[in-house]
Amino acid sequence: MAGKVFFSVTMSLDGFIAPEPPPVDDFLAPDKQDDPDVQRWMAQWTELQQWLFPLRFLRENLKLGEGGEEGHDNDVARETFERTGASVMGKRMFDLGEQSWPEEAPFHTPVFVVTHTKRDPWERPGGTTFHFVNDGIEHALDQARAAAGDRDVRIAGGGATILEHLNAGLVDEFSITLSPVLFGAGTRLFDGVDASRVALEPVRSEPSPRVTHLTYAVHPR
């Protein structure tokens, strides 16, 4: 039986899953890292994701060596990775990640990129292969389901791609990790959600010393 379709994101307390992008083209490119606006964006993003960096799982996944913290946050990160048999992402997230991911990209599963750009599959060390789908989210999701088998499909991002799947009724469940930071501006996850079609059922609420993990089932309204 096919698994669930889900997404899992970290969100600021005022509802943003990323800081406001700096007014710099290709701001993750190596030659842009000294720009003050880029440094400000990186500092905000790092603060949002701070709960992940000490974890044993992250060190293992990124081949950073032994050590790292265990505990509930580590269990959440590991469970999210282990349940995922394939991922779907938008072109913008892929473009940014292509510049910043290590050679061994952190997915270790097939990834289906929704794009209008035709491109041959891009195979990376460690089991990640990016496939480029030119005919919409439904076709990308069908291919991801087939690749995932009985594991789940993660809608990896970015925010617009997650929202498109949510509004189309294609998401079964999602998790939000609430991080104790405030941005004031940035990428809002639910900006443009079709609230007339989406009903939520609380599944879990799990605090940790750094963040709060919230999980919801999604039903048609």
N, C-alpha and C. Protein backbone atom coordinates (compact mmCIF):
# COMPACT_ATOMS: atom_id res chain seq x y z
N MET A 1 0.85 -1.19 0.00
CA MET A 1 0.00 0.00 0.00
C MET A 1 0.88 1.24 0.00
N ALA A 2 0.48 2.23 -0.79
CA ALA A 2 1.26 3.47 -0.87
C ALA A 2 1.22 4.20 0.47
N GLY A 3 2.31 4.91 0.76
CA GLY A 3 2.40 5.66 1.99
C GLY A 3 1.69 7.00 1.90
N LYS A 4 1.92 7.84 2.88
CA LYS A 4 1.30 9.15 2.95
C LYS A 4 2.10 10.17 2.15
N VAL A 5 1.43 11.27 1.82
CA VAL A 5 2.09 12.46 1.28
C VAL A 5 2.10 13.49 2.41
N PHE A 6 3.29 14.00 2.73
CA PHE A 6 3.40 14.90 3.87
C PHE A 6 4.42 15.98 3.58
N PHE A 7 4.39 17.02 4.41
CA PHE A 7 5.50 17.96 4.43
C PHE A 7 5.88 18.23 5.88
N SER A 8 7.11 18.69 6.06
CA SER A 8 7.65 18.94 7.40
C SER A 8 8.56 20.15 7.30
N VAL A 9 8.23 21.21 8.02
CA VAL A 9 8.97 22.46 7.92
C VAL A 9 9.22 23.05 9.30
N THR A 10 10.22 23.91 9.37
CA THR A 10 10.43 24.73 10.56
C THR A 10 9.84 26.11 10.31
N MET A 11 9.13 26.66 11.29
CA MET A 11 8.42 27.93 11.12
C MET A 11 8.73 28.85 12.29
N SER A 12 8.88 30.13 11.99
CA SER A 12 9.01 31.12 13.06
C SER A 12 7.67 31.30 13.76
N LEU A 13 7.68 31.88 14.94
CA LEU A 13 6.43 32.07 15.69
C LEU A 13 5.47 33.01 14.99
N ASP A 14 5.97 33.88 14.09
CA ASP A 14 5.06 34.75 13.35
C ASP A 14 4.75 34.21 11.96
N GLY A 15 5.00 32.90 11.72
CA GLY A 15 4.44 32.23 10.56
C GLY A 15 5.29 32.15 9.32
N PHE A 16 6.60 32.38 9.41
CA PHE A 16 7.46 32.38 8.23
C PHE A 16 8.35 31.13 8.23
N ILE A 17 8.51 30.53 7.05
CA ILE A 17 9.38 29.35 6.92
C ILE A 17 10.73 29.72 6.30
N ALA A 18 10.91 30.98 5.94
CA ALA A 18 12.20 31.48 5.46
C ALA A 18 12.21 32.99 5.62
N PRO A 19 13.39 33.58 5.85
CA PRO A 19 13.46 35.04 5.90
C PRO A 19 13.17 35.64 4.53
N GLU A 20 12.93 36.93 4.52
CA GLU A 20 12.73 37.63 3.25
C GLU A 20 14.00 37.56 2.43
N PRO A 21 13.93 37.10 1.16
CA PRO A 21 15.16 36.94 0.37
C PRO A 21 15.88 38.28 0.19
N PRO A 22 17.20 38.27 0.21
CA PRO A 22 17.95 39.51 -0.01
C PRO A 22 17.84 39.96 -1.45
N PRO A 23 17.96 41.26 -1.71
CA PRO A 23 17.85 41.78 -3.08
C PRO A 23 19.14 41.56 -3.87
N VAL A 24 19.57 40.29 -3.93
CA VAL A 24 20.82 39.93 -4.59
C VAL A 24 20.56 38.70 -5.45
N ASP A 25 20.86 38.76 -6.74
CA ASP A 25 20.68 37.62 -7.62
C ASP A 25 21.60 36.48 -7.20
N ASP A 26 21.06 35.23 -7.27
CA ASP A 26 21.86 34.04 -6.93
C ASP A 26 22.59 34.24 -5.60
N PHE A 27 21.82 34.61 -4.57
CA PHE A 27 22.45 35.05 -3.33
C PHE A 27 23.19 33.94 -2.59
N LEU A 28 22.99 32.68 -2.98
CA LEU A 28 23.74 31.61 -2.33
C LEU A 28 25.03 31.27 -3.08
N ALA A 29 25.28 31.94 -4.18
CA ALA A 29 26.52 31.70 -4.92
C ALA A 29 27.72 32.10 -4.06
N PRO A 30 28.84 31.38 -4.21
CA PRO A 30 30.01 31.67 -3.34
C PRO A 30 30.49 33.11 -3.40
N ASP A 31 30.36 33.76 -4.57
CA ASP A 31 30.88 35.13 -4.67
C ASP A 31 29.96 36.17 -4.07
N LYS A 32 28.79 35.73 -3.54
CA LYS A 32 27.85 36.67 -2.93
C LYS A 32 27.83 36.59 -1.41
N GLN A 33 28.66 35.72 -0.84
CA GLN A 33 28.55 35.45 0.59
C GLN A 33 28.99 36.61 1.48
N ASP A 34 29.75 37.55 0.92
CA ASP A 34 30.20 38.69 1.73
C ASP A 34 29.24 39.87 1.67
N ASP A 35 28.19 39.76 0.88
CA ASP A 35 27.21 40.85 0.79
C ASP A 35 26.47 40.95 2.13
N PRO A 36 26.33 42.16 2.69
CA PRO A 36 25.67 42.31 4.01
C PRO A 36 24.25 41.78 4.02
N ASP A 37 23.48 41.98 2.94
CA ASP A 37 22.11 41.47 2.90
C ASP A 37 22.08 39.95 2.90
N VAL A 38 23.03 39.34 2.21
CA VAL A 38 23.11 37.87 2.19
C VAL A 38 23.50 37.37 3.58
N GLN A 39 24.45 38.01 4.22
CA GLN A 39 24.85 37.60 5.56
C GLN A 39 23.70 37.73 6.56
N ARG A 40 22.91 38.77 6.40
CA ARG A 40 21.75 38.95 7.28
C ARG A 40 20.74 37.82 7.06
N TRP A 41 20.50 37.46 5.80
CA TRP A 41 19.57 36.36 5.49
C TRP A 41 20.08 35.06 6.08
N MET A 42 21.37 34.78 5.89
CA MET A 42 21.94 33.54 6.41
C MET A 42 21.86 33.48 7.93
N ALA A 43 22.08 34.61 8.60
CA ALA A 43 21.99 34.63 10.06
C ALA A 43 20.57 34.32 10.52
N GLN A 44 19.56 34.89 9.84
CA GLN A 44 18.17 34.62 10.21
C GLN A 44 17.81 33.16 9.94
N TRP A 45 18.21 32.65 8.78
CA TRP A 45 17.90 31.26 8.45
C TRP A 45 18.56 30.32 9.45
N THR A 46 19.80 30.60 9.82
CA THR A 46 20.51 29.77 10.78
C THR A 46 19.80 29.79 12.14
N GLU A 47 19.31 30.96 12.55
CA GLU A 47 18.59 31.05 13.82
C GLU A 47 17.31 30.22 13.77
N LEU A 48 16.61 30.25 12.64
CA LEU A 48 15.37 29.47 12.50
C LEU A 48 15.65 27.98 12.63
N GLN A 49 16.72 27.52 12.01
CA GLN A 49 17.02 26.08 11.97
C GLN A 49 17.96 25.63 13.09
N GLN A 50 18.20 26.48 14.06
CA GLN A 50 19.22 26.21 15.07
C GLN A 50 18.99 24.89 15.81
N TRP A 51 17.75 24.46 15.95
CA TRP A 51 17.46 23.24 16.68
C TRP A 51 18.07 22.00 16.02
N LEU A 52 18.31 22.07 14.70
CA LEU A 52 18.81 20.91 13.97
C LEU A 52 20.32 20.69 14.12
N PHE A 53 21.07 21.78 14.22
CA PHE A 53 22.51 21.69 14.07
C PHE A 53 23.22 20.83 15.11
N PRO A 54 22.74 20.78 16.37
CA PRO A 54 23.46 19.95 17.36
C PRO A 54 23.16 18.45 17.26
N LEU A 55 22.24 18.03 16.39
CA LEU A 55 21.70 16.68 16.46
C LEU A 55 22.66 15.63 15.89
N ARG A 56 22.67 14.48 16.55
CA ARG A 56 23.47 13.35 16.06
C ARG A 56 23.04 12.96 14.64
N PHE A 57 21.73 12.93 14.39
CA PHE A 57 21.25 12.52 13.07
C PHE A 57 21.80 13.43 11.98
N LEU A 58 21.80 14.74 12.20
CA LEU A 58 22.29 15.66 11.18
C LEU A 58 23.77 15.41 10.90
N ARG A 59 24.54 15.18 11.92
CA ARG A 59 25.97 14.90 11.73
C ARG A 59 26.16 13.61 10.93
N GLU A 60 25.37 12.61 11.22
CA GLU A 60 25.46 11.36 10.47
C GLU A 60 25.06 11.56 9.01
N ASN A 61 23.96 12.26 8.78
CA ASN A 61 23.42 12.41 7.43
C ASN A 61 24.35 13.22 6.55
N LEU A 62 25.00 14.23 7.12
CA LEU A 62 25.89 15.09 6.34
C LEU A 62 27.34 14.65 6.42
N LYS A 63 27.59 13.48 7.03
CA LYS A 63 28.95 12.94 7.12
C LYS A 63 29.89 13.92 7.82
N LEU A 64 29.43 14.48 8.96
CA LEU A 64 30.22 15.45 9.70
C LEU A 64 31.01 14.81 10.85
N GLY A 65 30.92 13.50 10.97
CA GLY A 65 31.65 12.83 12.03
C GLY A 65 30.76 12.38 13.17
N GLU A 66 31.36 11.79 14.16
CA GLU A 66 30.62 11.24 15.30
C GLU A 66 30.20 12.36 16.25
N GLY A 67 29.37 11.96 17.23
CA GLY A 67 28.92 12.91 18.23
C GLY A 67 27.57 13.48 17.89
N GLY A 68 27.18 14.50 18.63
CA GLY A 68 25.89 15.11 18.44
C GLY A 68 24.90 14.69 19.51
N GLU A 69 23.85 15.49 19.64
CA GLU A 69 22.86 15.26 20.69
C GLU A 69 21.82 14.23 20.25
N GLU A 70 21.37 13.46 21.23
CA GLU A 70 20.22 12.59 21.04
C GLU A 70 19.03 13.22 21.76
N GLY A 71 17.94 12.48 21.88
CA GLY A 71 16.75 13.03 22.51
C GLY A 71 15.62 13.19 21.52
N HIS A 72 14.55 13.90 21.94
CA HIS A 72 13.33 13.94 21.14
C HIS A 72 13.54 14.65 19.80
N ASP A 73 14.23 15.78 19.79
CA ASP A 73 14.46 16.48 18.53
C ASP A 73 15.20 15.58 17.54
N ASN A 74 16.18 14.86 18.02
CA ASN A 74 16.93 13.95 17.16
C ASN A 74 16.01 12.84 16.63
N ASP A 75 15.12 12.33 17.48
CA ASP A 75 14.18 11.30 17.04
C ASP A 75 13.26 11.82 15.95
N VAL A 76 12.78 13.06 16.08
CA VAL A 76 11.90 13.66 15.08
C VAL A 76 12.62 13.78 13.75
N ALA A 77 13.84 14.29 13.77
CA ALA A 77 14.60 14.45 12.52
C ALA A 77 14.86 13.11 11.86
N ARG A 78 15.22 12.11 12.64
CA ARG A 78 15.51 10.79 12.08
C ARG A 78 14.24 10.15 11.52
N GLU A 79 13.13 10.26 12.25
CA GLU A 79 11.87 9.67 11.79
C GLU A 79 11.43 10.30 10.46
N THR A 80 11.57 11.62 10.34
CA THR A 80 11.19 12.29 9.11
C THR A 80 12.00 11.76 7.94
N PHE A 81 13.30 11.59 8.14
CA PHE A 81 14.16 11.07 7.08
C PHE A 81 13.81 9.62 6.74
N GLU A 82 13.63 8.78 7.76
CA GLU A 82 13.45 7.36 7.52
C GLU A 82 12.09 7.03 6.90
N ARG A 83 11.07 7.86 7.13
CA ARG A 83 9.77 7.57 6.54
C ARG A 83 9.70 7.98 5.07
N THR A 84 10.66 8.78 4.61
CA THR A 84 10.60 9.36 3.27
C THR A 84 11.24 8.43 2.25
N GLY A 85 10.42 8.00 1.28
CA GLY A 85 10.92 7.16 0.19
C GLY A 85 11.23 7.93 -1.06
N ALA A 86 10.68 9.13 -1.20
CA ALA A 86 10.94 10.00 -2.35
C ALA A 86 10.46 11.39 -1.96
N SER A 87 10.98 12.40 -2.65
CA SER A 87 10.60 13.79 -2.36
C SER A 87 10.18 14.49 -3.64
N VAL A 88 9.36 15.54 -3.47
CA VAL A 88 8.97 16.44 -4.55
C VAL A 88 9.38 17.84 -4.14
N MET A 89 9.95 18.60 -5.06
CA MET A 89 10.31 19.98 -4.75
C MET A 89 10.11 20.87 -5.97
N GLY A 90 10.03 22.16 -5.73
CA GLY A 90 9.89 23.13 -6.80
C GLY A 90 11.24 23.53 -7.38
N LYS A 91 11.18 24.19 -8.52
CA LYS A 91 12.41 24.56 -9.23
C LYS A 91 13.24 25.56 -8.43
N ARG A 92 12.59 26.51 -7.75
CA ARG A 92 13.37 27.50 -7.01
C ARG A 92 14.15 26.85 -5.88
N MET A 93 13.53 25.93 -5.17
CA MET A 93 14.25 25.25 -4.10
C MET A 93 15.42 24.46 -4.67
N PHE A 94 15.20 23.79 -5.81
CA PHE A 94 16.29 23.04 -6.42
C PHE A 94 17.42 23.97 -6.84
N ASP A 95 17.08 25.10 -7.46
CA ASP A 95 18.13 26.02 -7.92
C ASP A 95 18.98 26.51 -6.76
N LEU A 96 18.33 26.86 -5.63
CA LEU A 96 19.08 27.31 -4.47
C LEU A 96 19.90 26.18 -3.87
N GLY A 97 19.30 24.99 -3.82
CA GLY A 97 20.01 23.86 -3.24
C GLY A 97 21.18 23.39 -4.07
N GLU A 98 21.03 23.47 -5.40
CA GLU A 98 22.12 23.03 -6.27
C GLU A 98 23.40 23.81 -5.99
N GLN A 99 23.24 25.07 -5.55
CA GLN A 99 24.39 25.89 -5.23
C GLN A 99 24.95 25.61 -3.84
N SER A 100 24.14 25.05 -2.95
CA SER A 100 24.55 24.98 -1.54
C SER A 100 24.65 23.58 -0.97
N TRP A 101 23.97 22.57 -1.57
CA TRP A 101 24.08 21.21 -1.04
C TRP A 101 25.49 20.67 -1.23
N PRO A 102 25.94 19.81 -0.32
CA PRO A 102 27.22 19.13 -0.55
C PRO A 102 27.10 18.18 -1.73
N GLU A 103 28.24 17.66 -2.19
CA GLU A 103 28.22 16.74 -3.33
C GLU A 103 27.29 15.57 -3.07
N GLU A 104 27.33 15.03 -1.85
CA GLU A 104 26.40 13.98 -1.47
C GLU A 104 25.16 14.65 -0.89
N ALA A 105 24.20 14.97 -1.76
CA ALA A 105 23.00 15.69 -1.34
C ALA A 105 22.28 14.94 -0.22
N PRO A 106 21.58 15.66 0.67
CA PRO A 106 21.12 15.06 1.93
C PRO A 106 19.84 14.24 1.83
N PHE A 107 19.34 13.94 0.62
CA PHE A 107 18.05 13.25 0.51
C PHE A 107 18.21 11.74 0.50
N HIS A 108 19.16 11.22 -0.26
CA HIS A 108 19.45 9.79 -0.34
C HIS A 108 18.26 8.98 -0.85
N THR A 109 17.42 9.61 -1.63
CA THR A 109 16.26 8.97 -2.28
C THR A 109 16.05 9.69 -3.61
N PRO A 110 15.16 9.19 -4.48
CA PRO A 110 14.80 9.96 -5.66
C PRO A 110 14.10 11.26 -5.26
N VAL A 111 14.38 12.33 -6.02
CA VAL A 111 13.75 13.63 -5.82
C VAL A 111 13.18 14.08 -7.17
N PHE A 112 11.91 14.49 -7.19
CA PHE A 112 11.24 14.89 -8.41
C PHE A 112 11.02 16.40 -8.38
N VAL A 113 11.66 17.10 -9.31
CA VAL A 113 11.66 18.55 -9.35
C VAL A 113 10.60 19.02 -10.35
N VAL A 114 9.63 19.80 -9.88
CA VAL A 114 8.58 20.34 -10.75
C VAL A 114 9.13 21.58 -11.45
N THR A 115 9.23 21.53 -12.75
CA THR A 115 9.90 22.59 -13.49
C THR A 115 9.39 22.63 -14.92
N HIS A 116 9.67 23.73 -15.61
CA HIS A 116 9.42 23.81 -17.05
C HIS A 116 10.70 23.59 -17.83
N THR A 117 11.80 23.35 -17.14
CA THR A 117 13.10 23.15 -17.78
C THR A 117 13.32 21.67 -18.06
N LYS A 118 13.65 21.33 -19.29
CA LYS A 118 13.95 19.94 -19.63
C LYS A 118 15.40 19.65 -19.29
N ARG A 119 15.62 18.55 -18.58
CA ARG A 119 16.97 18.20 -18.15
C ARG A 119 17.02 16.72 -17.84
N ASP A 120 18.12 16.08 -18.19
CA ASP A 120 18.29 14.67 -17.87
C ASP A 120 18.41 14.49 -16.36
N PRO A 121 18.07 13.30 -15.85
CA PRO A 121 18.24 13.06 -14.42
C PRO A 121 19.67 13.35 -13.97
N TRP A 122 19.77 13.88 -12.76
CA TRP A 122 21.07 14.26 -12.19
C TRP A 122 21.33 13.37 -11.00
N GLU A 123 22.25 12.43 -11.15
CA GLU A 123 22.55 11.46 -10.10
C GLU A 123 23.70 11.96 -9.25
N ARG A 124 23.51 11.92 -7.94
CA ARG A 124 24.53 12.37 -7.00
C ARG A 124 25.02 11.18 -6.17
N PRO A 125 26.20 11.27 -5.58
CA PRO A 125 26.66 10.20 -4.70
C PRO A 125 25.71 10.04 -3.50
N GLY A 126 25.61 8.82 -3.00
CA GLY A 126 24.82 8.58 -1.79
C GLY A 126 23.37 8.25 -2.02
N GLY A 127 22.98 8.02 -3.28
CA GLY A 127 21.62 7.54 -3.55
C GLY A 127 20.60 8.59 -3.94
N THR A 128 20.98 9.86 -4.06
CA THR A 128 20.04 10.90 -4.49
C THR A 128 20.11 11.05 -6.00
N THR A 129 18.97 10.94 -6.67
CA THR A 129 18.88 11.26 -8.09
C THR A 129 17.74 12.25 -8.28
N PHE A 130 18.02 13.38 -8.91
CA PHE A 130 17.02 14.39 -9.21
C PHE A 130 16.42 14.12 -10.58
N HIS A 131 15.09 14.02 -10.63
CA HIS A 131 14.36 13.84 -11.87
C HIS A 131 13.55 15.11 -12.13
N PHE A 132 13.51 15.57 -13.37
CA PHE A 132 12.89 16.85 -13.70
C PHE A 132 11.59 16.59 -14.46
N VAL A 133 10.48 17.06 -13.85
CA VAL A 133 9.14 16.75 -14.34
C VAL A 133 8.53 18.03 -14.91
N ASN A 134 8.11 17.96 -16.17
CA ASN A 134 7.67 19.17 -16.88
C ASN A 134 6.16 19.28 -17.05
N ASP A 135 5.38 18.35 -16.47
CA ASP A 135 3.94 18.36 -16.72
C ASP A 135 3.13 18.42 -15.44
N GLY A 136 3.60 19.15 -14.44
CA GLY A 136 2.77 19.49 -13.30
C GLY A 136 2.99 18.64 -12.06
N ILE A 137 2.36 19.12 -10.95
CA ILE A 137 2.59 18.48 -9.66
C ILE A 137 1.99 17.09 -9.57
N GLU A 138 0.85 16.86 -10.25
CA GLU A 138 0.23 15.54 -10.16
C GLU A 138 1.13 14.47 -10.75
N HIS A 139 1.75 14.78 -11.91
CA HIS A 139 2.64 13.80 -12.54
C HIS A 139 3.90 13.60 -11.70
N ALA A 140 4.41 14.69 -11.13
CA ALA A 140 5.58 14.55 -10.26
C ALA A 140 5.24 13.69 -9.05
N LEU A 141 4.06 13.90 -8.47
CA LEU A 141 3.66 13.14 -7.28
C LEU A 141 3.43 11.68 -7.64
N ASP A 142 2.83 11.40 -8.81
CA ASP A 142 2.63 10.01 -9.24
C ASP A 142 3.98 9.29 -9.35
N GLN A 143 4.97 9.95 -9.93
CA GLN A 143 6.28 9.33 -10.08
C GLN A 143 6.94 9.13 -8.71
N ALA A 144 6.75 10.11 -7.83
CA ALA A 144 7.33 9.98 -6.49
C ALA A 144 6.68 8.84 -5.72
N ARG A 145 5.36 8.68 -5.83
CA ARG A 145 4.68 7.58 -5.16
C ARG A 145 5.22 6.23 -5.65
N ALA A 146 5.39 6.12 -6.97
CA ALA A 146 5.89 4.86 -7.52
C ALA A 146 7.31 4.57 -7.01
N ALA A 147 8.12 5.61 -6.92
CA ALA A 147 9.50 5.43 -6.46
C ALA A 147 9.56 5.12 -4.96
N ALA A 148 8.63 5.69 -4.18
CA ALA A 148 8.65 5.53 -2.72
C ALA A 148 8.17 4.16 -2.27
N GLY A 149 7.37 3.47 -3.09
CA GLY A 149 6.83 2.18 -2.68
C GLY A 149 5.90 2.33 -1.50
N ASP A 150 6.17 1.59 -0.41
CA ASP A 150 5.29 1.67 0.76
C ASP A 150 5.76 2.72 1.76
N ARG A 151 6.79 3.50 1.41
CA ARG A 151 7.21 4.60 2.27
C ARG A 151 6.47 5.87 1.83
N ASP A 152 6.69 6.96 2.58
CA ASP A 152 5.96 8.19 2.36
C ASP A 152 6.67 9.08 1.35
N VAL A 153 5.90 10.01 0.78
CA VAL A 153 6.43 11.03 -0.12
C VAL A 153 6.43 12.35 0.62
N ARG A 154 7.58 13.00 0.63
CA ARG A 154 7.70 14.31 1.29
C ARG A 154 7.68 15.42 0.24
N ILE A 155 6.81 16.41 0.45
CA ILE A 155 6.85 17.62 -0.35
C ILE A 155 7.88 18.51 0.32
N ALA A 156 9.07 18.57 -0.26
CA ALA A 156 10.21 19.18 0.43
C ALA A 156 10.15 20.71 0.43
N GLY A 157 9.51 21.30 -0.55
CA GLY A 157 9.44 22.77 -0.62
C GLY A 157 9.70 23.25 -2.03
N GLY A 158 9.80 24.54 -2.18
CA GLY A 158 9.61 25.54 -1.17
C GLY A 158 8.15 25.78 -0.84
N GLY A 159 7.90 26.95 -0.22
CA GLY A 159 6.57 27.25 0.28
C GLY A 159 5.50 27.22 -0.78
N ALA A 160 5.79 27.75 -1.97
CA ALA A 160 4.77 27.79 -3.05
C ALA A 160 4.41 26.38 -3.50
N THR A 161 5.39 25.49 -3.57
CA THR A 161 5.13 24.11 -3.99
C THR A 161 4.33 23.37 -2.93
N ILE A 162 4.66 23.56 -1.66
CA ILE A 162 3.87 22.96 -0.59
C ILE A 162 2.43 23.45 -0.66
N LEU A 163 2.24 24.75 -0.81
CA LEU A 163 0.89 25.31 -0.84
C LEU A 163 0.10 24.79 -2.03
N GLU A 164 0.75 24.63 -3.18
CA GLU A 164 0.06 24.12 -4.36
C GLU A 164 -0.45 22.70 -4.11
N HIS A 165 0.35 21.86 -3.49
CA HIS A 165 -0.10 20.50 -3.17
C HIS A 165 -1.22 20.53 -2.13
N LEU A 166 -1.11 21.40 -1.13
CA LEU A 166 -2.12 21.48 -0.08
C LEU A 166 -3.45 21.92 -0.66
N ASN A 167 -3.45 22.95 -1.48
CA ASN A 167 -4.69 23.46 -2.07
C ASN A 167 -5.32 22.47 -3.05
N ALA A 168 -4.49 21.61 -3.64
CA ALA A 168 -5.00 20.61 -4.58
C ALA A 168 -5.51 19.35 -3.88
N GLY A 169 -5.46 19.34 -2.56
CA GLY A 169 -5.96 18.18 -1.81
C GLY A 169 -5.04 16.97 -1.88
N LEU A 170 -3.74 17.19 -2.07
CA LEU A 170 -2.80 16.10 -2.29
C LEU A 170 -1.96 15.78 -1.05
N VAL A 171 -2.17 16.50 0.06
CA VAL A 171 -1.39 16.31 1.28
C VAL A 171 -2.23 15.57 2.32
N ASP A 172 -1.66 14.53 2.90
CA ASP A 172 -2.35 13.75 3.93
C ASP A 172 -2.03 14.24 5.34
N GLU A 173 -0.85 14.78 5.53
CA GLU A 173 -0.39 15.10 6.88
C GLU A 173 0.75 16.11 6.78
N PHE A 174 0.91 16.94 7.82
CA PHE A 174 2.10 17.79 7.85
C PHE A 174 2.54 18.04 9.28
N SER A 175 3.82 18.37 9.40
CA SER A 175 4.41 18.70 10.69
C SER A 175 5.08 20.05 10.61
N ILE A 176 4.88 20.84 11.64
CA ILE A 176 5.52 22.14 11.77
C ILE A 176 6.34 22.14 13.05
N THR A 177 7.61 22.50 12.93
CA THR A 177 8.44 22.71 14.10
C THR A 177 8.49 24.21 14.37
N LEU A 178 7.84 24.63 15.45
CA LEU A 178 7.80 26.05 15.80
C LEU A 178 9.08 26.45 16.51
N SER A 179 9.79 27.38 15.90
CA SER A 179 11.06 27.84 16.44
C SER A 179 10.86 29.20 17.11
N PRO A 180 11.45 29.45 18.27
CA PRO A 180 11.18 30.69 19.01
C PRO A 180 11.95 31.88 18.45
N VAL A 181 11.65 32.22 17.19
CA VAL A 181 12.22 33.40 16.55
C VAL A 181 11.09 34.18 15.87
N LEU A 182 11.32 35.46 15.62
CA LEU A 182 10.39 36.33 14.91
C LEU A 182 11.12 36.97 13.74
N PHE A 183 10.49 36.94 12.55
CA PHE A 183 11.09 37.53 11.36
C PHE A 183 10.46 38.86 10.97
N GLY A 184 9.15 38.97 11.10
CA GLY A 184 8.47 40.19 10.67
C GLY A 184 8.16 40.22 9.19
N ALA A 185 8.94 39.53 8.38
CA ALA A 185 8.71 39.44 6.93
C ALA A 185 9.42 38.21 6.44
N GLY A 186 8.99 37.71 5.29
CA GLY A 186 9.62 36.52 4.72
C GLY A 186 8.62 35.71 3.93
N THR A 187 8.84 34.40 3.88
CA THR A 187 7.98 33.47 3.15
C THR A 187 6.99 32.86 4.12
N ARG A 188 5.72 33.22 3.97
CA ARG A 188 4.66 32.65 4.81
C ARG A 188 4.17 31.35 4.20
N LEU A 189 4.12 30.30 5.00
CA LEU A 189 3.69 29.01 4.49
C LEU A 189 2.24 29.03 4.02
N PHE A 190 1.34 29.64 4.78
CA PHE A 190 -0.09 29.54 4.49
C PHE A 190 -0.65 30.78 3.81
N ASP A 191 0.20 31.62 3.27
CA ASP A 191 -0.26 32.79 2.54
C ASP A 191 -0.83 32.35 1.19
N GLY A 192 -2.17 32.40 1.05
CA GLY A 192 -2.82 31.93 -0.16
C GLY A 192 -3.48 30.57 -0.02
N VAL A 193 -3.52 30.02 1.18
CA VAL A 193 -4.17 28.73 1.37
C VAL A 193 -5.67 28.85 1.10
N ASP A 194 -6.24 27.82 0.48
CA ASP A 194 -7.68 27.78 0.22
C ASP A 194 -8.36 27.18 1.46
N ALA A 195 -8.66 28.03 2.43
CA ALA A 195 -9.20 27.56 3.70
C ALA A 195 -10.58 26.91 3.55
N SER A 196 -11.27 27.19 2.45
CA SER A 196 -12.59 26.59 2.23
C SER A 196 -12.49 25.11 1.87
N ARG A 197 -11.28 24.64 1.54
CA ARG A 197 -11.11 23.25 1.10
C ARG A 197 -10.30 22.41 2.08
N VAL A 198 -9.66 23.04 3.06
CA VAL A 198 -8.70 22.33 3.91
C VAL A 198 -9.19 22.32 5.35
N ALA A 199 -9.36 21.13 5.92
CA ALA A 199 -9.68 20.97 7.34
C ALA A 199 -8.54 20.22 8.01
N LEU A 200 -8.22 20.61 9.25
CA LEU A 200 -7.08 20.04 9.95
C LEU A 200 -7.53 19.30 11.21
N GLU A 201 -6.86 18.19 11.48
CA GLU A 201 -7.10 17.42 12.70
C GLU A 201 -5.79 17.33 13.48
N PRO A 202 -5.73 17.86 14.69
CA PRO A 202 -4.50 17.73 15.48
C PRO A 202 -4.16 16.27 15.73
N VAL A 203 -2.89 15.93 15.54
CA VAL A 203 -2.41 14.57 15.78
C VAL A 203 -1.47 14.53 16.98
N ARG A 204 -0.48 15.43 17.01
CA ARG A 204 0.48 15.45 18.11
C ARG A 204 0.94 16.87 18.37
N SER A 205 1.26 17.14 19.62
CA SER A 205 1.93 18.37 20.01
C SER A 205 3.01 17.98 21.00
N GLU A 206 4.29 18.19 20.62
CA GLU A 206 5.39 17.66 21.40
C GLU A 206 6.44 18.74 21.62
N PRO A 207 6.50 19.29 22.83
CA PRO A 207 7.53 20.31 23.11
C PRO A 207 8.88 19.67 23.39
N SER A 208 9.92 20.42 23.09
CA SER A 208 11.27 20.05 23.50
C SER A 208 11.90 21.30 24.10
N PRO A 209 13.10 21.21 24.65
CA PRO A 209 13.71 22.41 25.23
C PRO A 209 13.93 23.54 24.22
N ARG A 210 14.01 23.24 22.92
CA ARG A 210 14.31 24.27 21.92
C ARG A 210 13.10 24.69 21.08
N VAL A 211 12.21 23.73 20.75
CA VAL A 211 11.14 23.99 19.80
C VAL A 211 9.89 23.21 20.21
N THR A 212 8.81 23.41 19.43
CA THR A 212 7.59 22.62 19.62
C THR A 212 7.22 21.98 18.29
N HIS A 213 7.01 20.66 18.31
CA HIS A 213 6.67 19.91 17.10
C HIS A 213 5.16 19.70 17.06
N LEU A 214 4.52 20.18 16.00
CA LEU A 214 3.07 20.06 15.82
C LEU A 214 2.80 19.22 14.58
N THR A 215 1.89 18.25 14.69
CA THR A 215 1.53 17.40 13.56
C THR A 215 0.02 17.43 13.37
N TYR A 216 -0.40 17.57 12.10
CA TYR A 216 -1.82 17.64 11.75
C TYR A 216 -2.12 16.69 10.60
N ALA A 217 -3.27 16.02 10.67
CA ALA A 217 -3.82 15.32 9.53
C ALA A 217 -4.65 16.30 8.71
N VAL A 218 -4.66 16.11 7.40
CA VAL A 218 -5.37 17.02 6.50
C VAL A 218 -6.56 16.28 5.91
N HIS A 219 -7.74 16.92 5.96
CA HIS A 219 -8.96 16.34 5.40
C HIS A 219 -9.64 17.37 4.50
N PRO A 220 -10.40 16.90 3.49
CA PRO A 220 -11.19 17.85 2.71
C PRO A 220 -12.30 18.45 3.54
N ARG A 221 -12.55 19.73 3.34
CA ARG A 221 -13.62 20.39 4.09
C ARG A 221 -14.95 20.26 3.34
